[in-house]
Amino acid sequence: MEIGLHHFLTVGAILFGLGLFAMITRRNAILVLMGIELILNSANINLVAFSKFGGLGVDGQMITIFVIILAVAEAAVALGIVLNLYNNFETVDVDEANLMKD
């Protein structure tokens, strides 16, 4: 059995679904960030798969590296926000974030 494009797309769709589920159902900011990371990783899997099977050449891998760098920057900024939220309210519940406006 040879692993083809549809296998990669299936894994990417499952990761995207799990990430979307984590973002929608969780109130903990850390788990919401993990859901975002799952969605970005599903995009990376699809980019690499299309690069290999779709004839994109190295372009798919270069875009994947860019997405990984973007995910690292997003995680650093979001972690700073979560730490600030915890220092101010002693919770990481995203429903408490609306109190930061006051």
N, C-alpha and C. Protein backbone atom coordinates (compact mmCIF):
# COMPACT_ATOMS: atom_id res chain seq x y z
N MET A 1 0.84 -1.18 0.00
CA MET A 1 0.00 0.00 0.00
C MET A 1 0.89 1.24 0.00
N GLU A 2 0.66 2.11 -0.93
CA GLU A 2 1.44 3.33 -1.05
C GLU A 2 0.66 4.49 -0.46
N ILE A 3 1.37 5.34 0.28
CA ILE A 3 0.73 6.51 0.88
C ILE A 3 0.61 7.57 -0.19
N GLY A 4 -0.61 8.01 -0.42
CA GLY A 4 -0.87 8.99 -1.45
C GLY A 4 -1.34 10.32 -0.89
N LEU A 5 -1.76 11.19 -1.80
CA LEU A 5 -2.20 12.52 -1.42
C LEU A 5 -3.42 12.49 -0.51
N HIS A 6 -4.34 11.56 -0.78
CA HIS A 6 -5.56 11.53 0.02
C HIS A 6 -5.29 11.15 1.47
N HIS A 7 -4.23 10.39 1.73
CA HIS A 7 -3.87 10.08 3.12
C HIS A 7 -3.43 11.34 3.87
N PHE A 8 -2.59 12.14 3.21
CA PHE A 8 -2.15 13.39 3.83
C PHE A 8 -3.32 14.34 4.05
N LEU A 9 -4.21 14.42 3.07
CA LEU A 9 -5.36 15.31 3.20
C LEU A 9 -6.30 14.85 4.29
N THR A 10 -6.43 13.55 4.48
CA THR A 10 -7.26 13.03 5.56
C THR A 10 -6.69 13.38 6.92
N VAL A 11 -5.38 13.21 7.09
CA VAL A 11 -4.74 13.57 8.36
C VAL A 11 -4.86 15.08 8.60
N GLY A 12 -4.67 15.87 7.55
CA GLY A 12 -4.81 17.32 7.68
C GLY A 12 -6.22 17.72 8.06
N ALA A 13 -7.23 17.07 7.47
CA ALA A 13 -8.62 17.38 7.81
C ALA A 13 -8.95 16.99 9.24
N ILE A 14 -8.43 15.86 9.69
CA ILE A 14 -8.67 15.43 11.08
C ILE A 14 -8.02 16.42 12.04
N LEU A 15 -6.78 16.83 11.78
CA LEU A 15 -6.12 17.81 12.64
C LEU A 15 -6.87 19.14 12.64
N PHE A 16 -7.34 19.57 11.47
CA PHE A 16 -8.09 20.82 11.40
C PHE A 16 -9.37 20.73 12.21
N GLY A 17 -10.07 19.61 12.09
CA GLY A 17 -11.30 19.42 12.86
C GLY A 17 -11.06 19.41 14.36
N LEU A 18 -10.00 18.74 14.78
CA LEU A 18 -9.66 18.71 16.21
C LEU A 18 -9.28 20.10 16.72
N GLY A 19 -8.53 20.83 15.92
CA GLY A 19 -8.14 22.18 16.31
C GLY A 19 -9.33 23.12 16.39
N LEU A 20 -10.24 23.01 15.43
CA LEU A 20 -11.45 23.84 15.44
C LEU A 20 -12.32 23.48 16.63
N PHE A 21 -12.44 22.20 16.93
CA PHE A 21 -13.22 21.76 18.09
C PHE A 21 -12.61 22.29 19.38
N ALA A 22 -11.28 22.26 19.48
CA ALA A 22 -10.61 22.76 20.68
C ALA A 22 -10.81 24.27 20.83
N MET A 23 -10.79 25.00 19.74
CA MET A 23 -10.97 26.44 19.81
C MET A 23 -12.39 26.82 20.21
N ILE A 24 -13.36 26.08 19.72
CA ILE A 24 -14.76 26.44 19.96
C ILE A 24 -15.21 26.03 21.35
N THR A 25 -14.79 24.89 21.84
CA THR A 25 -15.35 24.34 23.07
C THR A 25 -14.58 24.70 24.33
N ARG A 26 -13.38 25.18 24.24
CA ARG A 26 -12.56 25.41 25.42
C ARG A 26 -12.63 26.87 25.88
N ARG A 27 -12.55 27.06 27.18
CA ARG A 27 -12.47 28.40 27.74
C ARG A 27 -11.08 28.72 28.24
N ASN A 28 -10.27 27.71 28.42
CA ASN A 28 -8.90 27.90 28.86
C ASN A 28 -8.08 28.45 27.70
N ALA A 29 -7.38 29.55 27.93
CA ALA A 29 -6.64 30.21 26.87
C ALA A 29 -5.52 29.33 26.31
N ILE A 30 -4.90 28.53 27.16
CA ILE A 30 -3.82 27.65 26.70
C ILE A 30 -4.37 26.61 25.72
N LEU A 31 -5.53 26.05 26.02
CA LEU A 31 -6.12 25.05 25.13
C LEU A 31 -6.60 25.68 23.82
N VAL A 32 -7.05 26.92 23.87
CA VAL A 32 -7.43 27.62 22.64
C VAL A 32 -6.19 27.81 21.76
N LEU A 33 -5.07 28.17 22.38
CA LEU A 33 -3.82 28.32 21.62
C LEU A 33 -3.36 26.99 21.03
N MET A 34 -3.55 25.90 21.76
CA MET A 34 -3.20 24.59 21.22
C MET A 34 -4.08 24.25 20.02
N GLY A 35 -5.35 24.66 20.05
CA GLY A 35 -6.23 24.45 18.90
C GLY A 35 -5.76 25.23 17.68
N ILE A 36 -5.29 26.46 17.90
CA ILE A 36 -4.75 27.25 16.79
C ILE A 36 -3.52 26.58 16.22
N GLU A 37 -2.67 26.06 17.07
CA GLU A 37 -1.47 25.36 16.60
C GLU A 37 -1.83 24.11 15.79
N LEU A 38 -2.87 23.39 16.21
CA LEU A 38 -3.30 22.23 15.43
C LEU A 38 -3.77 22.64 14.04
N ILE A 39 -4.49 23.74 13.96
CA ILE A 39 -4.97 24.22 12.66
C ILE A 39 -3.79 24.62 11.78
N LEU A 40 -2.80 25.30 12.34
CA LEU A 40 -1.63 25.67 11.54
C LEU A 40 -0.84 24.44 11.10
N ASN A 41 -0.75 23.43 11.96
CA ASN A 41 -0.05 22.19 11.57
C ASN A 41 -0.80 21.44 10.49
N SER A 42 -2.14 21.49 10.51
CA SER A 42 -2.88 20.84 9.43
C SER A 42 -2.63 21.55 8.10
N ALA A 43 -2.50 22.87 8.14
CA ALA A 43 -2.16 23.60 6.92
C ALA A 43 -0.76 23.23 6.44
N ASN A 44 0.18 23.05 7.37
CA ASN A 44 1.53 22.65 6.98
C ASN A 44 1.55 21.27 6.33
N ILE A 45 0.78 20.34 6.87
CA ILE A 45 0.73 19.00 6.28
C ILE A 45 0.19 19.08 4.86
N ASN A 46 -0.84 19.88 4.66
CA ASN A 46 -1.41 20.02 3.31
C ASN A 46 -0.42 20.69 2.36
N LEU A 47 0.30 21.70 2.83
CA LEU A 47 1.27 22.36 1.97
C LEU A 47 2.39 21.41 1.54
N VAL A 48 2.89 20.62 2.47
CA VAL A 48 3.96 19.67 2.13
C VAL A 48 3.42 18.58 1.20
N ALA A 49 2.19 18.13 1.44
CA ALA A 49 1.61 17.10 0.58
C ALA A 49 1.42 17.61 -0.84
N PHE A 50 0.89 18.83 -0.97
CA PHE A 50 0.72 19.39 -2.31
C PHE A 50 2.05 19.69 -2.97
N SER A 51 3.05 19.99 -2.15
CA SER A 51 4.38 20.21 -2.70
C SER A 51 4.94 18.93 -3.29
N LYS A 52 4.70 17.81 -2.59
CA LYS A 52 5.25 16.53 -3.07
C LYS A 52 4.44 15.98 -4.24
N PHE A 53 3.12 15.99 -4.12
CA PHE A 53 2.30 15.33 -5.13
C PHE A 53 1.76 16.27 -6.19
N GLY A 54 1.76 17.57 -5.93
CA GLY A 54 1.17 18.50 -6.88
C GLY A 54 2.16 19.19 -7.78
N GLY A 55 3.42 18.92 -7.61
CA GLY A 55 4.42 19.50 -8.49
C GLY A 55 4.81 20.92 -8.13
N LEU A 56 4.61 21.33 -6.88
CA LEU A 56 5.01 22.67 -6.47
C LEU A 56 6.52 22.79 -6.26
N GLY A 57 7.18 21.70 -6.15
CA GLY A 57 8.62 21.73 -5.93
C GLY A 57 8.93 22.15 -4.51
N VAL A 58 9.88 23.05 -4.38
CA VAL A 58 10.33 23.49 -3.06
C VAL A 58 9.43 24.59 -2.50
N ASP A 59 8.57 25.15 -3.30
CA ASP A 59 7.72 26.26 -2.85
C ASP A 59 6.84 25.88 -1.67
N GLY A 60 6.32 24.67 -1.66
CA GLY A 60 5.47 24.22 -0.56
C GLY A 60 6.23 24.15 0.75
N GLN A 61 7.48 23.67 0.68
CA GLN A 61 8.29 23.61 1.90
C GLN A 61 8.67 25.00 2.39
N MET A 62 8.91 25.93 1.49
CA MET A 62 9.26 27.29 1.89
C MET A 62 8.07 27.98 2.57
N ILE A 63 6.88 27.77 2.04
CA ILE A 63 5.69 28.35 2.66
C ILE A 63 5.46 27.70 4.02
N THR A 64 5.73 26.42 4.14
CA THR A 64 5.59 25.72 5.42
C THR A 64 6.55 26.29 6.46
N ILE A 65 7.77 26.57 6.08
CA ILE A 65 8.72 27.19 7.01
C ILE A 65 8.22 28.56 7.44
N PHE A 66 7.65 29.32 6.52
CA PHE A 66 7.09 30.62 6.86
C PHE A 66 5.93 30.47 7.85
N VAL A 67 5.08 29.48 7.66
CA VAL A 67 3.95 29.25 8.58
C VAL A 67 4.46 28.84 9.95
N ILE A 68 5.52 28.04 10.01
CA ILE A 68 6.10 27.64 11.30
C ILE A 68 6.66 28.86 12.03
N ILE A 69 7.34 29.75 11.31
CA ILE A 69 7.86 30.97 11.92
C ILE A 69 6.71 31.84 12.41
N LEU A 70 5.65 31.93 11.63
CA LEU A 70 4.47 32.69 12.04
C LEU A 70 3.83 32.09 13.29
N ALA A 71 3.79 30.77 13.38
CA ALA A 71 3.22 30.10 14.55
C ALA A 71 4.06 30.35 15.80
N VAL A 72 5.37 30.39 15.64
CA VAL A 72 6.24 30.67 16.78
C VAL A 72 6.02 32.10 17.29
N ALA A 73 5.91 33.05 16.37
CA ALA A 73 5.66 34.43 16.78
C ALA A 73 4.29 34.56 17.44
N GLU A 74 3.30 33.88 16.89
CA GLU A 74 1.96 33.91 17.48
C GLU A 74 1.96 33.30 18.87
N ALA A 75 2.69 32.23 19.07
CA ALA A 75 2.74 31.58 20.38
C ALA A 75 3.44 32.48 21.40
N ALA A 76 4.48 33.18 20.99
CA ALA A 76 5.19 34.06 21.92
C ALA A 76 4.31 35.23 22.35
N VAL A 77 3.63 35.85 21.41
CA VAL A 77 2.74 36.97 21.75
C VAL A 77 1.57 36.49 22.59
N ALA A 78 0.97 35.39 22.20
CA ALA A 78 -0.18 34.87 22.94
C ALA A 78 0.21 34.43 24.35
N LEU A 79 1.38 33.85 24.51
CA LEU A 79 1.83 33.46 25.84
C LEU A 79 2.02 34.68 26.73
N GLY A 80 2.51 35.77 26.17
CA GLY A 80 2.63 37.02 26.91
C GLY A 80 1.27 37.54 27.35
N ILE A 81 0.28 37.44 26.48
CA ILE A 81 -1.07 37.87 26.82
C ILE A 81 -1.65 36.98 27.91
N VAL A 82 -1.45 35.68 27.79
CA VAL A 82 -1.98 34.75 28.79
C VAL A 82 -1.32 34.99 30.16
N LEU A 83 -0.02 35.22 30.16
CA LEU A 83 0.67 35.49 31.43
C LEU A 83 0.17 36.80 32.05
N ASN A 84 -0.08 37.80 31.23
CA ASN A 84 -0.62 39.06 31.73
C ASN A 84 -2.02 38.85 32.29
N LEU A 85 -2.82 38.06 31.60
CA LEU A 85 -4.17 37.74 32.09
C LEU A 85 -4.11 37.01 33.42
N TYR A 86 -3.18 36.08 33.55
CA TYR A 86 -3.05 35.35 34.81
C TYR A 86 -2.54 36.24 35.94
N ASN A 87 -1.60 37.11 35.64
CA ASN A 87 -1.08 38.00 36.68
C ASN A 87 -2.14 38.97 37.19
N ASN A 88 -3.02 39.43 36.30
CA ASN A 88 -4.04 40.40 36.70
C ASN A 88 -5.26 39.77 37.35
N PHE A 89 -5.69 38.61 36.86
CA PHE A 89 -6.95 38.02 37.32
C PHE A 89 -6.79 36.65 37.97
N GLU A 90 -5.58 36.10 37.99
CA GLU A 90 -5.28 34.79 38.55
C GLU A 90 -6.14 33.68 37.94
N THR A 91 -6.41 33.79 36.66
CA THR A 91 -7.11 32.78 35.90
C THR A 91 -6.70 32.89 34.44
N VAL A 92 -6.84 31.80 33.71
CA VAL A 92 -6.58 31.82 32.27
C VAL A 92 -7.87 31.57 31.49
N ASP A 93 -9.00 31.84 32.12
CA ASP A 93 -10.30 31.70 31.47
C ASP A 93 -10.48 32.86 30.49
N VAL A 94 -10.77 32.55 29.24
CA VAL A 94 -10.88 33.60 28.23
C VAL A 94 -12.12 34.48 28.44
N ASP A 95 -13.09 34.04 29.22
CA ASP A 95 -14.25 34.88 29.51
C ASP A 95 -13.87 36.05 30.42
N GLU A 96 -12.79 35.92 31.16
CA GLU A 96 -12.33 37.00 32.03
C GLU A 96 -11.59 38.08 31.24
N ALA A 97 -11.27 37.82 30.01
CA ALA A 97 -10.51 38.78 29.20
C ALA A 97 -11.32 40.05 28.93
N ASN A 98 -12.63 39.99 28.93
CA ASN A 98 -13.42 41.18 28.67
C ASN A 98 -13.32 42.19 29.82
N LEU A 99 -12.86 41.76 31.00
CA LEU A 99 -12.66 42.68 32.12
C LEU A 99 -11.41 43.54 31.94
N MET A 100 -10.52 43.15 31.02
CA MET A 100 -9.31 43.92 30.79
C MET A 100 -9.62 45.26 30.13
N LYS A 101 -10.80 45.42 29.53
CA LYS A 101 -11.17 46.68 28.90
C LYS A 101 -11.34 47.79 29.91
N ASP A 102 -11.78 47.46 31.12
CA ASP A 102 -12.08 48.49 32.13
C ASP A 102 -10.87 49.12 32.72
